[in-house]
Amino acid sequence: MREHSRDKERLEHILDAIKVIENGLGTYSKDELLNNPLLYYGLVKQIEIIGEAANLLTHEYRESHTEVNWRPIVAMRNVLVHDYIHISKEMLWATITQDIPALKKHINRYYQAFE
């Protein structure tokens, strides 16, 4: 049961990070987000949180929820943390505007299943 509640908490962390990203998208332009270091690295941090939370989900949970390809999410986190010098602004923007909305749909559904 403890692992089960841990998975719910990690899903909540992912949703919280997505909300922060969405709030930024509603407030700032693409240029502002990508060219202001404080805003840019704020986005990077939220994607790191998503990747770390995905990594901390139990193997059983990830294996039973294969609609999401968890490996690239975790890999993105690793790149952002360890290979930050090679971050592409366009890759980050594509992640934020394409991958995050698709991920949100699944995570919302998964989180609601715990209720």
PDB file of N, CA and C in Angstrom:
ATOM      1  N   MET A   1       0.827  -1.196   0.000  1.00  0.00           N
ATOM      2  CA  MET A   1       0.000   0.000   0.000  1.00  0.00           C
ATOM      3  C   MET A   1       0.870   1.259   0.000  1.00  0.00           C
ATOM      4  N   ARG A   2       1.998   1.189   0.674  1.00  0.00           N
ATOM      5  CA  ARG A   2       2.863   2.352   0.752  1.00  0.00           C
ATOM      6  C   ARG A   2       3.388   2.759  -0.632  1.00  0.00           C
ATOM      7  N   GLU A   3       3.773   1.780  -1.422  1.00  0.00           N
ATOM      8  CA  GLU A   3       4.244   2.064  -2.768  1.00  0.00           C
ATOM      9  C   GLU A   3       3.129   2.675  -3.606  1.00  0.00           C
ATOM     10  N   HIS A   4       1.920   2.175  -3.414  1.00  0.00           N
ATOM     11  CA  HIS A   4       0.764   2.669  -4.149  1.00  0.00           C
ATOM     12  C   HIS A   4       0.568   4.157  -3.870  1.00  0.00           C
ATOM     13  N   SER A   5       0.632   4.578  -2.629  1.00  0.00           N
ATOM     14  CA  SER A   5       0.446   5.997  -2.293  1.00  0.00           C
ATOM     15  C   SER A   5       1.627   6.816  -2.787  1.00  0.00           C
ATOM     16  N   ARG A   6       2.808   6.225  -2.825  1.00  0.00           N
ATOM     17  CA  ARG A   6       3.975   6.923  -3.358  1.00  0.00           C
ATOM     18  C   ARG A   6       3.770   7.251  -4.834  1.00  0.00           C
ATOM     19  N   ASP A   7       3.217   6.326  -5.586  1.00  0.00           N
ATOM     20  CA  ASP A   7       2.941   6.577  -6.994  1.00  0.00           C
ATOM     21  C   ASP A   7       1.963   7.736  -7.159  1.00  0.00           C
ATOM     22  N   LYS A   8       0.952   7.776  -6.347  1.00  0.00           N
ATOM     23  CA  LYS A   8      -0.011   8.886  -6.417  1.00  0.00           C
ATOM     24  C   LYS A   8       0.693  10.214  -6.140  1.00  0.00           C
ATOM     25  N   GLU A   9       1.551  10.236  -5.165  1.00  0.00           N
ATOM     26  CA  GLU A   9       2.282  11.462  -4.826  1.00  0.00           C
ATOM     27  C   GLU A   9       3.169  11.903  -5.989  1.00  0.00           C
ATOM     28  N   ARG A  10       3.831  10.970  -6.633  1.00  0.00           N
ATOM     29  CA  ARG A  10       4.685  11.308  -7.781  1.00  0.00           C
ATOM     30  C   ARG A  10       3.860  11.852  -8.940  1.00  0.00           C
ATOM     31  N   LEU A  11       2.692  11.276  -9.175  1.00  0.00           N
ATOM     32  CA  LEU A  11       1.806  11.802 -10.216  1.00  0.00           C
ATOM     33  C   LEU A  11       1.381  13.230  -9.887  1.00  0.00           C
ATOM     34  N   GLU A  12       1.150  13.486  -8.623  1.00  0.00           N
ATOM     35  CA  GLU A  12       0.789  14.842  -8.193  1.00  0.00           C
ATOM     36  C   GLU A  12       1.943  15.816  -8.442  1.00  0.00           C
ATOM     37  N   HIS A  13       3.166  15.378  -8.204  1.00  0.00           N
ATOM     38  CA  HIS A  13       4.328  16.226  -8.487  1.00  0.00           C
ATOM     39  C   HIS A  13       4.399  16.563  -9.976  1.00  0.00           C
ATOM     40  N   ILE A  14       4.116  15.583 -10.813  1.00  0.00           N
ATOM     41  CA  ILE A  14       4.119  15.814 -12.263  1.00  0.00           C
ATOM     42  C   ILE A  14       3.048  16.837 -12.631  1.00  0.00           C
ATOM     43  N   LEU A  15       1.854  16.660 -12.089  1.00  0.00           N
ATOM     44  CA  LEU A  15       0.763  17.604 -12.387  1.00  0.00           C
ATOM     45  C   LEU A  15       1.087  19.006 -11.894  1.00  0.00           C
ATOM     46  N   ASP A  16       1.698  19.113 -10.730  1.00  0.00           N
ATOM     47  CA  ASP A  16       2.080  20.430 -10.201  1.00  0.00           C
ATOM     48  C   ASP A  16       3.091  21.111 -11.122  1.00  0.00           C
ATOM     49  N   ALA A  17       4.070  20.371 -11.601  1.00  0.00           N
ATOM     50  CA  ALA A  17       5.077  20.941 -12.506  1.00  0.00           C
ATOM     51  C   ALA A  17       4.437  21.359 -13.829  1.00  0.00           C
ATOM     52  N   ILE A  18       3.511  20.557 -14.316  1.00  0.00           N
ATOM     53  CA  ILE A  18       2.804  20.914 -15.551  1.00  0.00           C
ATOM     54  C   ILE A  18       2.024  22.208 -15.356  1.00  0.00           C
ATOM     55  N   LYS A  19       1.400  22.357 -14.213  1.00  0.00           N
ATOM     56  CA  LYS A  19       0.635  23.574 -13.930  1.00  0.00           C
ATOM     57  C   LYS A  19       1.547  24.804 -13.939  1.00  0.00           C
ATOM     58  N   VAL A  20       2.724  24.688 -13.360  1.00  0.00           N
ATOM     59  CA  VAL A  20       3.679  25.803 -13.360  1.00  0.00           C
ATOM     60  C   VAL A  20       4.062  26.154 -14.797  1.00  0.00           C
ATOM     61  N   ILE A  21       4.326  25.147 -15.604  1.00  0.00           N
ATOM     62  CA  ILE A  21       4.675  25.379 -17.010  1.00  0.00           C
ATOM     63  C   ILE A  21       3.524  26.060 -17.737  1.00  0.00           C
ATOM     64  N   GLU A  22       2.324  25.548 -17.553  1.00  0.00           N
ATOM     65  CA  GLU A  22       1.158  26.138 -18.222  1.00  0.00           C
ATOM     66  C   GLU A  22       0.946  27.585 -17.797  1.00  0.00           C
ATOM     67  N   ASN A  23       1.144  27.869 -16.533  1.00  0.00           N
ATOM     68  CA  ASN A  23       0.991  29.248 -16.053  1.00  0.00           C
ATOM     69  C   ASN A  23       2.003  30.164 -16.732  1.00  0.00           C
ATOM     70  N   GLY A  24       3.215  29.675 -16.928  1.00  0.00           N
ATOM     71  CA  GLY A  24       4.227  30.453 -17.632  1.00  0.00           C
ATOM     72  C   GLY A  24       3.852  30.691 -19.078  1.00  0.00           C
ATOM     73  N   LEU A  25       3.296  29.669 -19.711  1.00  0.00           N
ATOM     74  CA  LEU A  25       2.906  29.800 -21.113  1.00  0.00           C
ATOM     75  C   LEU A  25       1.788  30.815 -21.289  1.00  0.00           C
ATOM     76  N   GLY A  26       0.941  30.939 -20.289  1.00  0.00           N
ATOM     77  CA  GLY A  26      -0.170  31.882 -20.372  1.00  0.00           C
ATOM     78  C   GLY A  26       0.228  33.308 -20.064  1.00  0.00           C
ATOM     79  N   THR A  27       1.398  33.496 -19.520  1.00  0.00           N
ATOM     80  CA  THR A  27       1.824  34.811 -19.065  1.00  0.00           C
ATOM     81  C   THR A  27       2.887  35.438 -19.955  1.00  0.00           C
ATOM     82  N   TYR A  28       3.734  34.600 -20.536  1.00  0.00           N
ATOM     83  CA  TYR A  28       4.890  35.099 -21.288  1.00  0.00           C
ATOM     84  C   TYR A  28       4.863  34.604 -22.727  1.00  0.00           C
ATOM     85  N   SER A  29       5.526  35.346 -23.593  1.00  0.00           N
ATOM     86  CA  SER A  29       5.675  34.915 -24.988  1.00  0.00           C
ATOM     87  C   SER A  29       6.784  33.868 -25.074  1.00  0.00           C
ATOM     88  N   LYS A  30       6.846  33.204 -26.218  1.00  0.00           N
ATOM     89  CA  LYS A  30       7.908  32.228 -26.451  1.00  0.00           C
ATOM     90  C   LYS A  30       9.274  32.888 -26.293  1.00  0.00           C
ATOM     91  N   ASP A  31       9.457  34.046 -26.901  1.00  0.00           N
ATOM     92  CA  ASP A  31      10.751  34.745 -26.813  1.00  0.00           C
ATOM     93  C   ASP A  31      11.105  35.096 -25.377  1.00  0.00           C
ATOM     94  N   GLU A  32      10.120  35.569 -24.625  1.00  0.00           N
ATOM     95  CA  GLU A  32      10.392  35.902 -23.220  1.00  0.00           C
ATOM     96  C   GLU A  32      10.809  34.660 -22.435  1.00  0.00           C
ATOM     97  N   LEU A  33      10.107  33.573 -22.654  1.00  0.00           N
ATOM     98  CA  LEU A  33      10.411  32.341 -21.917  1.00  0.00           C
ATOM     99  C   LEU A  33      11.779  31.780 -22.272  1.00  0.00           C
ATOM    100  N   LEU A  34      12.131  31.827 -23.540  1.00  0.00           N
ATOM    101  CA  LEU A  34      13.367  31.192 -23.976  1.00  0.00           C
ATOM    102  C   LEU A  34      14.597  32.094 -23.880  1.00  0.00           C
ATOM    103  N   ASN A  35      14.379  33.392 -23.780  1.00  0.00           N
ATOM    104  CA  ASN A  35      15.511  34.304 -23.774  1.00  0.00           C
ATOM    105  C   ASN A  35      15.751  35.002 -22.438  1.00  0.00           C
ATOM    106  N   ASN A  36      14.903  34.777 -21.490  1.00  0.00           N
ATOM    107  CA  ASN A  36      15.109  35.297 -20.142  1.00  0.00           C
ATOM    108  C   ASN A  36      15.658  34.128 -19.311  1.00  0.00           C
ATOM    109  N   PRO A  37      16.905  34.212 -18.883  1.00  0.00           N
ATOM    110  CA  PRO A  37      17.508  33.067 -18.179  1.00  0.00           C
ATOM    111  C   PRO A  37      16.715  32.585 -16.969  1.00  0.00           C
ATOM    112  N   LEU A  38      16.142  33.488 -16.222  1.00  0.00           N
ATOM    113  CA  LEU A  38      15.384  33.087 -15.035  1.00  0.00           C
ATOM    114  C   LEU A  38      14.137  32.287 -15.429  1.00  0.00           C
ATOM    115  N   LEU A  39      13.414  32.771 -16.415  1.00  0.00           N
ATOM    116  CA  LEU A  39      12.229  32.056 -16.880  1.00  0.00           C
ATOM    117  C   LEU A  39      12.608  30.734 -17.550  1.00  0.00           C
ATOM    118  N   TYR A  40      13.618  30.791 -18.387  1.00  0.00           N
ATOM    119  CA  TYR A  40      14.077  29.608 -19.116  1.00  0.00           C
ATOM    120  C   TYR A  40      14.460  28.478 -18.157  1.00  0.00           C
ATOM    121  N   TYR A  41      15.295  28.808 -17.188  1.00  0.00           N
ATOM    122  CA  TYR A  41      15.732  27.761 -16.263  1.00  0.00           C
ATOM    123  C   TYR A  41      14.634  27.355 -15.286  1.00  0.00           C
ATOM    124  N   GLY A  42      13.644  28.211 -15.116  1.00  0.00           N
ATOM    125  CA  GLY A  42      12.457  27.802 -14.366  1.00  0.00           C
ATOM    126  C   GLY A  42      11.709  26.702 -15.096  1.00  0.00           C
ATOM    127  N   LEU A  43      11.596  26.845 -16.418  1.00  0.00           N
ATOM    128  CA  LEU A  43      10.976  25.797 -17.232  1.00  0.00           C
ATOM    129  C   LEU A  43      11.794  24.521 -17.195  1.00  0.00           C
ATOM    130  N   VAL A  44      13.111  24.682 -17.330  1.00  0.00           N
ATOM    131  CA  VAL A  44      13.994  23.520 -17.280  1.00  0.00           C
ATOM    132  C   VAL A  44      13.791  22.774 -15.961  1.00  0.00           C
ATOM    133  N   LYS A  45      13.722  23.501 -14.865  1.00  0.00           N
ATOM    134  CA  LYS A  45      13.555  22.872 -13.548  1.00  0.00           C
ATOM    135  C   LYS A  45      12.247  22.088 -13.469  1.00  0.00           C
ATOM    136  N   GLN A  46      11.179  22.633 -14.015  1.00  0.00           N
ATOM    137  CA  GLN A  46       9.896  21.929 -13.965  1.00  0.00           C
ATOM    138  C   GLN A  46       9.942  20.641 -14.772  1.00  0.00           C
ATOM    139  N   ILE A  47      10.640  20.662 -15.905  1.00  0.00           N
ATOM    140  CA  ILE A  47      10.780  19.440 -16.703  1.00  0.00           C
ATOM    141  C   ILE A  47      11.669  18.438 -15.966  1.00  0.00           C
ATOM    142  N   GLU A  48      12.677  18.925 -15.270  1.00  0.00           N
ATOM    143  CA  GLU A  48      13.495  18.040 -14.427  1.00  0.00           C
ATOM    144  C   GLU A  48      12.628  17.357 -13.366  1.00  0.00           C
ATOM    145  N   ILE A  49      11.746  18.128 -12.740  1.00  0.00           N
ATOM    146  CA  ILE A  49      10.862  17.569 -11.711  1.00  0.00           C
ATOM    147  C   ILE A  49       9.968  16.487 -12.308  1.00  0.00           C
ATOM    148  N   ILE A  50       9.432  16.745 -13.492  1.00  0.00           N
ATOM    149  CA  ILE A  50       8.594  15.746 -14.157  1.00  0.00           C
ATOM    150  C   ILE A  50       9.399  14.468 -14.384  1.00  0.00           C
ATOM    151  N   GLY A  51      10.616  14.611 -14.881  1.00  0.00           N
ATOM    152  CA  GLY A  51      11.459  13.440 -15.141  1.00  0.00           C
ATOM    153  C   GLY A  51      11.843  12.696 -13.882  1.00  0.00           C
ATOM    154  N   GLU A  52      12.145  13.437 -12.835  1.00  0.00           N
ATOM    155  CA  GLU A  52      12.515  12.787 -11.573  1.00  0.00           C
ATOM    156  C   GLU A  52      11.322  12.062 -10.961  1.00  0.00           C
ATOM    157  N   ALA A  53      10.166  12.700 -10.994  1.00  0.00           N
ATOM    158  CA  ALA A  53       8.962  12.051 -10.459  1.00  0.00           C
ATOM    159  C   ALA A  53       8.620  10.804 -11.267  1.00  0.00           C
ATOM    160  N   ALA A  54       8.764  10.879 -12.585  1.00  0.00           N
ATOM    161  CA  ALA A  54       8.521   9.698 -13.429  1.00  0.00           C
ATOM    162  C   ALA A  54       9.495   8.588 -13.076  1.00  0.00           C
ATOM    163  N   ASN A  55      10.737   8.944 -12.840  1.00  0.00           N
ATOM    164  CA  ASN A  55      11.747   7.961 -12.469  1.00  0.00           C
ATOM    165  C   ASN A  55      11.434   7.300 -11.125  1.00  0.00           C
ATOM    166  N   LEU A  56      10.838   8.047 -10.225  1.00  0.00           N
ATOM    167  CA  LEU A  56      10.541   7.526  -8.891  1.00  0.00           C
ATOM    168  C   LEU A  56       9.242   6.734  -8.806  1.00  0.00           C
ATOM    169  N   LEU A  57       8.443   6.749  -9.879  1.00  0.00           N
ATOM    170  CA  LEU A  57       7.282   5.856  -9.905  1.00  0.00           C
ATOM    171  C   LEU A  57       7.789   4.424  -9.817  1.00  0.00           C
ATOM    172  N   THR A  58       7.028   3.565  -9.182  1.00  0.00           N
ATOM    173  CA  THR A  58       7.462   2.175  -9.084  1.00  0.00           C
ATOM    174  C   THR A  58       7.517   1.543 -10.480  1.00  0.00           C
ATOM    175  N   HIS A  59       8.402   0.562 -10.616  1.00  0.00           N
ATOM    176  CA  HIS A  59       8.504  -0.154 -11.892  1.00  0.00           C
ATOM    177  C   HIS A  59       7.163  -0.773 -12.249  1.00  0.00           C
ATOM    178  N   GLU A  60       6.491  -1.299 -11.260  1.00  0.00           N
ATOM    179  CA  GLU A  60       5.196  -1.935 -11.505  1.00  0.00           C
ATOM    180  C   GLU A  60       4.204  -0.941 -12.085  1.00  0.00           C
ATOM    181  N   TYR A  61       4.225   0.256 -11.547  1.00  0.00           N
ATOM    182  CA  TYR A  61       3.284   1.275 -12.025  1.00  0.00           C
ATOM    183  C   TYR A  61       3.600   1.648 -13.469  1.00  0.00           C
ATOM    184  N   ARG A  62       4.853   1.919 -13.752  1.00  0.00           N
ATOM    185  CA  ARG A  62       5.237   2.296 -15.112  1.00  0.00           C
ATOM    186  C   ARG A  62       4.944   1.166 -16.101  1.00  0.00           C
ATOM    187  N   GLU A  63       5.209  -0.061 -15.682  1.00  0.00           N
ATOM    188  CA  GLU A  63       4.965  -1.201 -16.568  1.00  0.00           C
ATOM    189  C   GLU A  63       3.483  -1.454 -16.808  1.00  0.00           C
ATOM    190  N   SER A  64       2.643  -1.020 -15.891  1.00  0.00           N
ATOM    191  CA  SER A  64       1.206  -1.210 -16.071  1.00  0.00           C
ATOM    192  C   SER A  64       0.532   0.001 -16.725  1.00  0.00           C
ATOM    193  N   HIS A  65       1.309   1.033 -17.018  1.00  0.00           N
ATOM    194  CA  HIS A  65       0.778   2.238 -17.668  1.00  0.00           C
ATOM    195  C   HIS A  65       1.667   2.590 -18.862  1.00  0.00           C
ATOM    196  N   THR A  66       1.572   1.739 -19.861  1.00  0.00           N
ATOM    197  CA  THR A  66       2.477   1.839 -21.002  1.00  0.00           C
ATOM    198  C   THR A  66       2.013   2.832 -22.065  1.00  0.00           C
ATOM    199  N   GLU A  67       0.885   3.505 -21.842  1.00  0.00           N
ATOM    200  CA  GLU A  67       0.463   4.539 -22.785  1.00  0.00           C
ATOM    201  C   GLU A  67       1.476   5.689 -22.794  1.00  0.00           C
ATOM    202  N   VAL A  68       2.179   5.832 -21.683  1.00  0.00           N
ATOM    203  CA  VAL A  68       3.235   6.830 -21.574  1.00  0.00           C
ATOM    204  C   VAL A  68       4.570   6.118 -21.757  1.00  0.00           C
ATOM    205  N   ASN A  69       5.400   6.667 -22.607  1.00  0.00           N
ATOM    206  CA  ASN A  69       6.755   6.143 -22.782  1.00  0.00           C
ATOM    207  C   ASN A  69       7.631   6.829 -21.730  1.00  0.00           C
ATOM    208  N   TRP A  70       7.812   6.203 -20.597  1.00  0.00           N
ATOM    209  CA  TRP A  70       8.482   6.800 -19.447  1.00  0.00           C
ATOM    210  C   TRP A  70       9.972   7.026 -19.682  1.00  0.00           C
ATOM    211  N   ARG A  71      10.590   6.160 -20.442  1.00  0.00           N
ATOM    212  CA  ARG A  71      12.056   6.219 -20.628  1.00  0.00           C
ATOM    213  C   ARG A  71      12.532   7.574 -21.169  1.00  0.00           C
ATOM    214  N   PRO A  72      11.921   8.130 -22.225  1.00  0.00           N
ATOM    215  CA  PRO A  72      12.397   9.428 -22.711  1.00  0.00           C
ATOM    216  C   PRO A  72      12.166  10.574 -21.712  1.00  0.00           C
ATOM    217  N   ILE A  73      11.149  10.443 -20.886  1.00  0.00           N
ATOM    218  CA  ILE A  73      10.883  11.474 -19.876  1.00  0.00           C
ATOM    219  C   ILE A  73      12.022  11.494 -18.867  1.00  0.00           C
ATOM    220  N   VAL A  74      12.418  10.328 -18.418  1.00  0.00           N
ATOM    221  CA  VAL A  74      13.535  10.219 -17.477  1.00  0.00           C
ATOM    222  C   VAL A  74      14.840  10.625 -18.162  1.00  0.00           C
ATOM    223  N   ALA A  75      15.015  10.224 -19.407  1.00  0.00           N
ATOM    224  CA  ALA A  75      16.230  10.567 -20.145  1.00  0.00           C
ATOM    225  C   ALA A  75      16.347  12.083 -20.329  1.00  0.00           C
ATOM    226  N   MET A  76      15.223  12.746 -20.577  1.00  0.00           N
ATOM    227  CA  MET A  76      15.236  14.205 -20.721  1.00  0.00           C
ATOM    228  C   MET A  76      15.708  14.856 -19.433  1.00  0.00           C
ATOM    229  N   ARG A  77      15.237  14.353 -18.325  1.00  0.00           N
ATOM    230  CA  ARG A  77      15.670  14.873 -17.030  1.00  0.00           C
ATOM    231  C   ARG A  77      17.178  14.734 -16.884  1.00  0.00           C
ATOM    232  N   ASN A  78      17.700  13.591 -17.267  1.00  0.00           N
ATOM    233  CA  ASN A  78      19.132  13.352 -17.145  1.00  0.00           C
ATOM    234  C   ASN A  78      19.943  14.306 -18.025  1.00  0.00           C
ATOM    235  N   VAL A  79      19.460  14.568 -19.206  1.00  0.00           N
ATOM    236  CA  VAL A  79      20.138  15.515 -20.090  1.00  0.00           C
ATOM    237  C   VAL A  79      20.104  16.910 -19.471  1.00  0.00           C
ATOM    238  N   LEU A  80      18.957  17.321 -18.992  1.00  0.00           N
ATOM    239  CA  LEU A  80      18.825  18.663 -18.420  1.00  0.00           C
ATOM    240  C   LEU A  80      19.725  18.858 -17.209  1.00  0.00           C
ATOM    241  N   VAL A  81      19.894  17.808 -16.421  1.00  0.00           N
ATOM    242  CA  VAL A  81      20.716  17.911 -15.209  1.00  0.00           C
ATOM    243  C   VAL A  81      22.199  17.743 -15.516  1.00  0.00           C
ATOM    244  N   HIS A  82      22.533  16.752 -16.321  1.00  0.00           N
ATOM    245  CA  HIS A  82      23.942  16.378 -16.487  1.00  0.00           C
ATOM    246  C   HIS A  82      24.590  16.895 -17.766  1.00  0.00           C
ATOM    247  N   ASP A  83      23.792  17.205 -18.764  1.00  0.00           N
ATOM    248  CA  ASP A  83      24.347  17.623 -20.049  1.00  0.00           C
ATOM    249  C   ASP A  83      23.700  18.941 -20.476  1.00  0.00           C
ATOM    250  N   TYR A  84      23.466  19.802 -19.500  1.00  0.00           N
ATOM    251  CA  TYR A  84      22.716  21.046 -19.697  1.00  0.00           C
ATOM    252  C   TYR A  84      23.303  21.944 -20.776  1.00  0.00           C
ATOM    253  N   ILE A  85      24.578  21.825 -21.037  1.00  0.00           N
ATOM    254  CA  ILE A  85      25.236  22.669 -22.038  1.00  0.00           C
ATOM    255  C   ILE A  85      24.688  22.418 -23.444  1.00  0.00           C
ATOM    256  N   HIS A  86      24.107  21.236 -23.641  1.00  0.00           N
ATOM    257  CA  HIS A  86      23.599  20.866 -24.961  1.00  0.00           C
ATOM    258  C   HIS A  86      22.081  21.000 -25.098  1.00  0.00           C
ATOM    259  N   ILE A  87      21.466  21.716 -24.192  1.00  0.00           N
ATOM    260  CA  ILE A  87      20.018  21.904 -24.280  1.00  0.00           C
ATOM    261  C   ILE A  87      19.711  22.811 -25.464  1.00  0.00           C
ATOM    262  N   SER A  88      18.811  22.373 -26.290  1.00  0.00           N
ATOM    263  CA  SER A  88      18.346  23.165 -27.422  1.00  0.00           C
ATOM    264  C   SER A  88      17.068  23.892 -27.009  1.00  0.00           C
ATOM    265  N   LYS A  89      17.036  25.197 -27.243  1.00  0.00           N
ATOM    266  CA  LYS A  89      15.836  25.967 -26.905  1.00  0.00           C
ATOM    267  C   LYS A  89      14.625  25.458 -27.685  1.00  0.00           C
ATOM    268  N   GLU A  90      14.842  25.090 -28.934  1.00  0.00           N
ATOM    269  CA  GLU A  90      13.721  24.588 -29.741  1.00  0.00           C
ATOM    270  C   GLU A  90      13.238  23.222 -29.242  1.00  0.00           C
ATOM    271  N   MET A  91      14.168  22.382 -28.796  1.00  0.00           N
ATOM    272  CA  MET A  91      13.775  21.089 -28.219  1.00  0.00           C
ATOM    273  C   MET A  91      12.962  21.319 -26.946  1.00  0.00           C
ATOM    274  N   LEU A  92      13.420  22.254 -26.133  1.00  0.00           N
ATOM    275  CA  LEU A  92      12.696  22.572 -24.897  1.00  0.00           C
ATOM    276  C   LEU A  92      11.308  23.096 -25.225  1.00  0.00           C
ATOM    277  N   TRP A  93      11.218  23.984 -26.208  1.00  0.00           N
ATOM    278  CA  TRP A  93       9.924  24.543 -26.588  1.00  0.00           C
ATOM    279  C   TRP A  93       8.988  23.448 -27.120  1.00  0.00           C
ATOM    280  N   ALA A  94       9.501  22.546 -27.921  1.00  0.00           N
ATOM    281  CA  ALA A  94       8.686  21.437 -28.433  1.00  0.00           C
ATOM    282  C   ALA A  94       8.206  20.554 -27.288  1.00  0.00           C
ATOM    283  N   THR A  95       9.065  20.319 -26.323  1.00  0.00           N
ATOM    284  CA  THR A  95       8.673  19.525 -25.153  1.00  0.00           C
ATOM    285  C   THR A  95       7.529  20.200 -24.421  1.00  0.00           C
ATOM    286  N   ILE A  96       7.654  21.493 -24.222  1.00  0.00           N
ATOM    287  CA  ILE A  96       6.653  22.248 -23.460  1.00  0.00           C
ATOM    288  C   ILE A  96       5.324  22.339 -24.198  1.00  0.00           C
ATOM    289  N   THR A  97       5.388  22.575 -25.498  1.00  0.00           N
ATOM    290  CA  THR A  97       4.150  22.831 -26.243  1.00  0.00           C
ATOM    291  C   THR A  97       3.514  21.582 -26.847  1.00  0.00           C
ATOM    292  N   GLN A  98       4.284  20.511 -27.008  1.00  0.00           N
ATOM    293  CA  GLN A  98       3.736  19.298 -27.619  1.00  0.00           C
ATOM    294  C   GLN A  98       3.683  18.129 -26.638  1.00  0.00           C
ATOM    295  N   ASP A  99       4.820  17.828 -26.027  1.00  0.00           N
ATOM    296  CA  ASP A  99       4.905  16.636 -25.179  1.00  0.00           C
ATOM    297  C   ASP A  99       4.161  16.807 -23.854  1.00  0.00           C
ATOM    298  N   ILE A 100       4.298  17.975 -23.240  1.00  0.00           N
ATOM    299  CA  ILE A 100       3.673  18.196 -21.931  1.00  0.00           C
ATOM    300  C   ILE A 100       2.143  18.114 -22.020  1.00  0.00           C
ATOM    301  N   PRO A 101       1.482  18.754 -22.986  1.00  0.00           N
ATOM    302  CA  PRO A 101       0.016  18.610 -23.064  1.00  0.00           C
ATOM    303  C   PRO A 101      -0.435  17.154 -23.264  1.00  0.00           C
ATOM    304  N   ALA A 102       0.302  16.407 -24.077  1.00  0.00           N
ATOM    305  CA  ALA A 102      -0.048  14.998 -24.284  1.00  0.00           C
ATOM    306  C   ALA A 102       0.143  14.205 -22.992  1.00  0.00           C
ATOM    307  N   LEU A 103       1.230  14.474 -22.292  1.00  0.00           N
ATOM    308  CA  LEU A 103       1.494  13.791 -21.029  1.00  0.00           C
ATOM    309  C   LEU A 103       0.426  14.122 -19.991  1.00  0.00           C
ATOM    310  N   LYS A 104       0.018  15.376 -19.949  1.00  0.00           N
ATOM    311  CA  LYS A 104      -0.966  15.824 -18.954  1.00  0.00           C
ATOM    312  C   LYS A 104      -2.255  15.000 -19.027  1.00  0.00           C
ATOM    313  N   LYS A 105      -2.709  14.705 -20.227  1.00  0.00           N
ATOM    314  CA  LYS A 105      -3.944  13.929 -20.383  1.00  0.00           C
ATOM    315  C   LYS A 105      -3.837  12.576 -19.681  1.00  0.00           C
ATOM    316  N   HIS A 106      -2.722  11.911 -19.883  1.00  0.00           N
ATOM    317  CA  HIS A 106      -2.525  10.605 -19.248  1.00  0.00           C
ATOM    318  C   HIS A 106      -2.383  10.742 -17.732  1.00  0.00           C
ATOM    319  N   ILE A 107      -1.586  11.687 -17.298  1.00  0.00           N
ATOM    320  CA  ILE A 107      -1.327  11.833 -15.858  1.00  0.00           C
ATOM    321  C   ILE A 107      -2.602  12.220 -15.125  1.00  0.00           C
ATOM    322  N   ASN A 108      -3.409  13.090 -15.702  1.00  0.00           N
ATOM    323  CA  ASN A 108      -4.695  13.425 -15.081  1.00  0.00           C
ATOM    324  C   ASN A 108      -5.556  12.184 -14.899  1.00  0.00           C
ATOM    325  N   ARG A 109      -5.621  11.372 -15.942  1.00  0.00           N
ATOM    326  CA  ARG A 109      -6.430  10.145 -15.871  1.00  0.00           C
ATOM    327  C   ARG A 109      -5.878   9.182 -14.824  1.00  0.00           C
ATOM    328  N   TYR A 110      -4.563   9.025 -14.792  1.00  0.00           N
ATOM    329  CA  TYR A 110      -3.935   8.130 -13.811  1.00  0.00           C
ATOM    330  C   TYR A 110      -4.189   8.624 -12.391  1.00  0.00           C
ATOM    331  N   TYR A 111      -4.039   9.928 -12.200  1.00  0.00           N
ATOM    332  CA  TYR A 111      -4.217  10.497 -10.857  1.00  0.00           C
ATOM    333  C   TYR A 111      -5.659  10.333 -10.388  1.00  0.00           C
ATOM    334  N   GLN A 112      -6.602  10.576 -11.272  1.00  0.00           N
ATOM    335  CA  GLN A 112      -8.009  10.431 -10.914  1.00  0.00           C
ATOM    336  C   GLN A 112      -8.368   8.991 -10.563  1.00  0.00           C
ATOM    337  N   ALA A 113      -7.658   8.037 -11.119  1.00  0.00           N
ATOM    338  CA  ALA A 113      -7.909   6.626 -10.811  1.00  0.00           C
ATOM    339  C   ALA A 113      -7.591   6.306  -9.353  1.00  0.00           C
ATOM    340  N   PHE A 114      -6.754   7.104  -8.723  1.00  0.00           N
ATOM    341  CA  PHE A 114      -6.424   6.900  -7.311  1.00  0.00           C
ATOM    342  C   PHE A 114      -7.540   7.390  -6.393  1.00  0.00           C
ATOM    343  N   GLU A 115      -8.361   8.288  -6.884  1.00  0.00           N
ATOM    344  CA  GLU A 115      -9.405   8.914  -6.054  1.00  0.00           C
ATOM    345  C   GLU A 115     -10.487   7.923  -5.679  1.00  0.00           C
TER     346      GLU A 115
END
